[in-house]
Amino acid sequence: MNVHSLGRAMVGILAALFPIGGLRAADTPAAAPEKVNVVAAPRYRAGPIHKFFLGPTYRRLWTTPVAVEVLDLSRFGGGLKPVKKGGGAGKTTRSLRFESKDGREWRVRSVDKDPTRALPLELRDTFVDQLAQDQISAANPAGPLIVDGLADAAGIPYVPHRLVVIPDDPLLGEFRKEFAGMIGIIEEDVRVEALPGIHRQAGHGRAVGAPRRPPRGAD
């Protein structure tokens, strides 16, 4: 990779971590989105002995307070309506699907994961379960945002992501108790019909592979 390519990649990473345009959720926002200081997962704090045996991983990122956008359910995409809970049996990620008034579908996937449901019943609530949970810290909590920056710099199609906190809002309806306050990554659930040239997975309406790259500067 030459100097120019490296510089372009770094700019892309910074743009993903500190988005200006971000997703095209609101065409002309009247004000900057509200932000709150949150810690992604305090449970990954560990002392020297713990780190020696199980690794430092990305614990510092998981346990450092950061300013995160509060998802505005009344304004994002013209307004978001929660429609379905995701993350069934065997899934490590909690997710909540939304429909926006502009006709698009979105999902917010939890940054932190719970490996318990992916383990055999006999291993749940055991040391193995605790170890599996601890090693979730080996993943970078901002991973999808970093990938966005690299994909943009390389000219590879991708679905943009944004780090958000789901608010404690009556608009969540039946999902309020479970999802209020969850830190997650929102992404558009892109449909095949909107993406010519991308093949359909048998029996499903979602795209397999990356969608088209959004126009630069598009919100």
Protein backbone atom coordinates (compact mmCIF):
# COMPACT_ATOMS: atom_id res chain seq x y z
CA MET A 1 0.00 0.00 0.00
CA ASN A 2 1.53 3.35 -1.04
CA VAL A 3 1.45 6.56 1.00
CA HIS A 4 -1.61 7.92 -0.82
CA SER A 5 -3.60 4.72 -0.31
CA LEU A 6 -2.64 4.58 3.36
CA GLY A 7 -3.68 8.18 3.85
CA ARG A 8 -6.99 7.55 2.15
CA ALA A 9 -7.62 4.52 4.37
CA MET A 10 -6.90 6.52 7.54
CA VAL A 11 -9.26 9.26 6.45
CA GLY A 12 -11.93 6.63 5.83
CA ILE A 13 -11.45 5.12 9.29
CA LEU A 14 -11.70 8.52 10.97
CA ALA A 15 -14.79 9.33 8.93
CA ALA A 16 -16.41 6.10 10.12
CA LEU A 17 -15.52 6.62 13.77
CA PHE A 18 -16.54 10.27 13.77
CA PRO A 19 -19.29 10.48 11.14
CA ILE A 20 -20.36 13.82 9.75
CA GLY A 21 -22.89 12.76 7.16
CA GLY A 22 -23.40 9.21 8.40
CA LEU A 23 -26.47 7.31 7.29
CA ARG A 24 -28.96 9.13 5.14
CA ALA A 25 -31.51 9.08 7.95
CA ALA A 26 -32.55 12.70 8.08
CA ASP A 27 -32.10 14.89 5.05
CA THR A 28 -31.57 18.20 6.82
CA PRO A 29 -31.37 17.73 10.59
CA ALA A 30 -32.33 20.84 12.49
CA ALA A 31 -29.77 20.19 15.21
CA ALA A 32 -26.91 17.89 16.06
CA PRO A 33 -28.13 14.59 17.56
CA GLU A 34 -28.17 14.31 21.32
CA LYS A 35 -25.27 12.38 22.78
CA VAL A 36 -24.66 10.68 26.11
CA ASN A 37 -21.50 9.37 27.72
CA VAL A 38 -21.68 5.60 28.04
CA VAL A 39 -19.43 2.62 28.72
CA ALA A 40 -19.99 -0.21 26.28
CA ALA A 41 -19.46 -3.05 28.78
CA PRO A 42 -18.03 -2.40 32.27
CA ARG A 43 -17.91 -6.15 32.93
CA TYR A 44 -14.77 -6.47 30.82
CA ARG A 45 -12.66 -4.49 33.28
CA ALA A 46 -9.91 -6.74 34.58
CA GLY A 47 -6.86 -6.66 36.81
CA PRO A 48 -3.27 -7.59 35.87
CA ILE A 49 -3.59 -11.30 36.68
CA HIS A 50 -6.83 -11.62 34.73
CA LYS A 51 -5.23 -9.90 31.74
CA PHE A 52 -2.12 -12.08 32.00
CA PHE A 53 -4.11 -15.31 31.65
CA LEU A 54 -6.97 -14.18 29.43
CA GLY A 55 -5.34 -11.36 27.52
CA PRO A 56 -5.72 -7.56 27.45
CA THR A 57 -7.94 -7.88 24.34
CA TYR A 58 -9.91 -4.66 23.65
CA ARG A 59 -10.86 -4.17 27.28
CA ARG A 60 -9.82 -0.53 27.25
CA LEU A 61 -12.25 0.25 24.43
CA TRP A 62 -15.07 -1.68 26.08
CA THR A 63 -14.61 0.11 29.43
CA THR A 64 -13.78 3.69 28.40
CA PRO A 65 -16.63 6.25 28.48
CA VAL A 66 -17.46 7.59 25.02
CA ALA A 67 -20.03 10.04 23.69
CA VAL A 68 -22.64 8.11 21.70
CA GLU A 69 -25.59 9.42 19.69
CA VAL A 70 -29.04 8.83 21.15
CA LEU A 71 -31.24 7.36 18.43
CA ASP A 72 -34.04 9.87 17.81
CA LEU A 73 -37.06 7.67 17.16
CA SER A 74 -39.21 10.60 16.09
CA ARG A 75 -36.80 12.04 13.52
CA PHE A 76 -34.52 9.30 12.20
CA GLY A 77 -35.69 8.43 8.69
CA GLY A 78 -38.78 10.56 9.28
CA GLY A 79 -39.63 8.49 12.34
CA LEU A 80 -38.93 4.93 13.44
CA LYS A 81 -41.45 2.29 14.48
CA PRO A 82 -40.15 -0.86 16.21
CA VAL A 83 -41.65 -3.95 14.61
CA LYS A 84 -39.77 -7.07 15.61
CA LYS A 85 -37.27 -8.39 18.12
CA GLY A 86 -34.32 -10.36 16.78
CA GLY A 87 -31.75 -12.66 18.33
CA GLY A 88 -33.46 -16.00 18.84
CA ALA A 89 -32.17 -19.30 20.18
CA GLY A 90 -28.47 -19.80 19.52
CA LYS A 91 -27.93 -16.12 18.75
CA THR A 92 -25.39 -14.06 20.67
CA THR A 93 -26.66 -10.66 19.51
CA ARG A 94 -29.81 -8.86 20.63
CA SER A 95 -31.45 -6.85 17.88
CA LEU A 96 -34.51 -4.74 17.23
CA ARG A 97 -35.98 -4.08 13.80
CA PHE A 98 -37.56 -0.79 12.81
CA GLU A 99 -39.54 0.60 9.91
CA SER A 100 -39.09 4.26 9.02
CA LYS A 101 -41.72 6.55 7.56
CA ASP A 102 -39.62 6.98 4.42
CA GLY A 103 -40.26 3.30 3.62
CA ARG A 104 -36.96 1.75 4.69
CA GLU A 105 -36.18 -0.97 7.22
CA TRP A 106 -33.49 -0.77 9.90
CA ARG A 107 -32.06 -2.90 12.64
CA VAL A 108 -30.10 -2.05 15.76
CA ARG A 109 -27.78 -4.84 16.87
CA SER A 110 -26.28 -4.91 20.35
CA VAL A 111 -22.59 -4.10 20.58
CA ASP A 112 -22.09 -6.46 23.50
CA LYS A 113 -22.87 -10.13 22.98
CA ASP A 114 -24.22 -12.93 25.15
CA PRO A 115 -22.71 -16.32 24.17
CA THR A 116 -24.81 -18.26 26.68
CA ARG A 117 -27.56 -19.19 24.22
CA ALA A 118 -24.98 -20.51 21.76
CA LEU A 119 -23.58 -22.99 24.31
CA PRO A 120 -24.86 -26.51 25.01
CA LEU A 121 -27.25 -26.58 27.97
CA GLU A 122 -24.76 -28.44 30.16
CA LEU A 123 -22.19 -25.64 29.78
CA ARG A 124 -24.45 -22.74 30.58
CA ASP A 125 -23.93 -20.94 33.90
CA THR A 126 -20.54 -22.62 34.26
CA PHE A 127 -16.92 -21.49 34.10
CA VAL A 128 -17.00 -22.13 30.35
CA ASP A 129 -19.91 -19.71 30.02
CA GLN A 130 -18.02 -17.07 32.01
CA LEU A 131 -14.90 -17.60 29.91
CA ALA A 132 -16.85 -17.30 26.67
CA GLN A 133 -18.44 -14.07 27.89
CA ASP A 134 -15.08 -12.62 28.88
CA GLN A 135 -13.62 -13.34 25.46
CA ILE A 136 -16.27 -11.23 23.75
CA SER A 137 -13.85 -8.45 24.72
CA ALA A 138 -11.48 -9.81 22.05
CA ALA A 139 -13.71 -8.14 19.45
CA ASN A 140 -13.38 -4.42 18.78
CA PRO A 141 -16.73 -2.85 19.82
CA ALA A 142 -16.42 -0.34 16.95
CA GLY A 143 -15.44 -2.99 14.40
CA PRO A 144 -18.21 -2.32 11.84
CA LEU A 145 -17.40 1.40 11.83
CA ILE A 146 -13.75 0.70 11.12
CA VAL A 147 -14.68 -1.66 8.30
CA ASP A 148 -16.87 1.10 6.82
CA GLY A 149 -13.87 3.41 6.65
CA LEU A 150 -11.65 0.79 5.05
CA ALA A 151 -14.35 -0.20 2.54
CA ASP A 152 -14.92 3.42 1.59
CA ALA A 153 -11.21 4.02 1.09
CA ALA A 154 -10.94 0.90 -1.05
CA GLY A 155 -14.04 1.70 -3.10
CA ILE A 156 -15.84 -1.43 -1.93
CA PRO A 157 -19.67 -1.34 -1.64
CA TYR A 158 -20.95 -1.48 1.94
CA VAL A 159 -23.91 -0.73 4.19
CA PRO A 160 -23.05 2.24 6.46
CA HIS A 161 -23.22 1.75 10.23
CA ARG A 162 -23.69 4.16 13.11
CA LEU A 163 -23.14 3.67 16.84
CA VAL A 164 -26.25 4.65 18.84
CA VAL A 165 -28.00 4.27 22.16
CA ILE A 166 -31.66 3.26 22.09
CA PRO A 167 -33.52 5.81 24.24
CA ASP A 168 -35.95 5.11 27.06
CA ASP A 169 -38.84 6.29 24.91
CA PRO A 170 -42.55 5.41 24.95
CA LEU A 171 -42.30 5.04 21.17
CA LEU A 172 -40.58 1.68 21.81
CA GLY A 173 -43.91 0.29 22.97
CA GLU A 174 -43.70 -3.34 24.06
CA PHE A 175 -39.92 -3.36 23.44
CA ARG A 176 -39.16 -0.52 25.83
CA LYS A 177 -38.33 -2.55 28.92
CA GLU A 178 -35.88 -4.84 27.14
CA PHE A 179 -34.16 -2.46 24.73
CA ALA A 180 -34.17 0.98 26.37
CA GLY A 181 -30.57 2.02 27.02
CA MET A 182 -29.02 -0.65 24.78
CA ILE A 183 -25.86 0.40 22.97
CA GLY A 184 -25.98 -0.86 19.43
CA ILE A 185 -25.08 -0.35 15.81
CA ILE A 186 -27.83 0.71 13.45
CA GLU A 187 -27.77 -0.33 9.83
CA GLU A 188 -30.26 -0.33 7.02
CA ASP A 189 -31.77 -3.72 6.25
CA VAL A 190 -31.19 -3.47 2.51
CA ARG A 191 -33.59 -5.36 0.28
CA VAL A 192 -32.63 -7.07 -2.96
CA GLU A 193 -35.24 -5.13 -4.93
CA ALA A 194 -33.33 -1.92 -4.27
CA LEU A 195 -29.98 -3.36 -5.32
CA PRO A 196 -29.81 -4.41 -8.98
CA GLY A 197 -27.03 -6.83 -9.74
CA ILE A 198 -26.89 -8.43 -6.30
CA HIS A 199 -28.20 -11.96 -6.17
CA ARG A 200 -30.92 -13.22 -3.87
CA GLN A 201 -30.39 -15.95 -1.31
CA ALA A 202 -32.79 -18.82 -1.92
CA GLY A 203 -36.02 -18.25 -0.03
CA HIS A 204 -35.02 -14.85 1.30
CA GLY A 205 -35.53 -11.28 0.21
CA ARG A 206 -32.28 -9.92 1.58
CA ALA A 207 -29.17 -9.25 -0.39
CA VAL A 208 -26.25 -11.64 -0.33
CA GLY A 209 -23.06 -9.66 -0.68
CA ALA A 210 -22.44 -5.95 -0.38
CA PRO A 211 -24.88 -3.33 -1.62
CA ARG A 212 -23.97 -0.38 -3.72
CA ARG A 213 -21.79 2.25 -2.16
CA PRO A 214 -23.85 5.28 -1.04
CA PRO A 215 -23.10 8.56 -2.81
CA ARG A 216 -20.53 10.70 -1.06
CA GLY A 217 -22.06 13.39 1.08
CA ALA A 218 -25.46 11.69 1.19
CA ASP A 219 -27.14 11.71 4.58
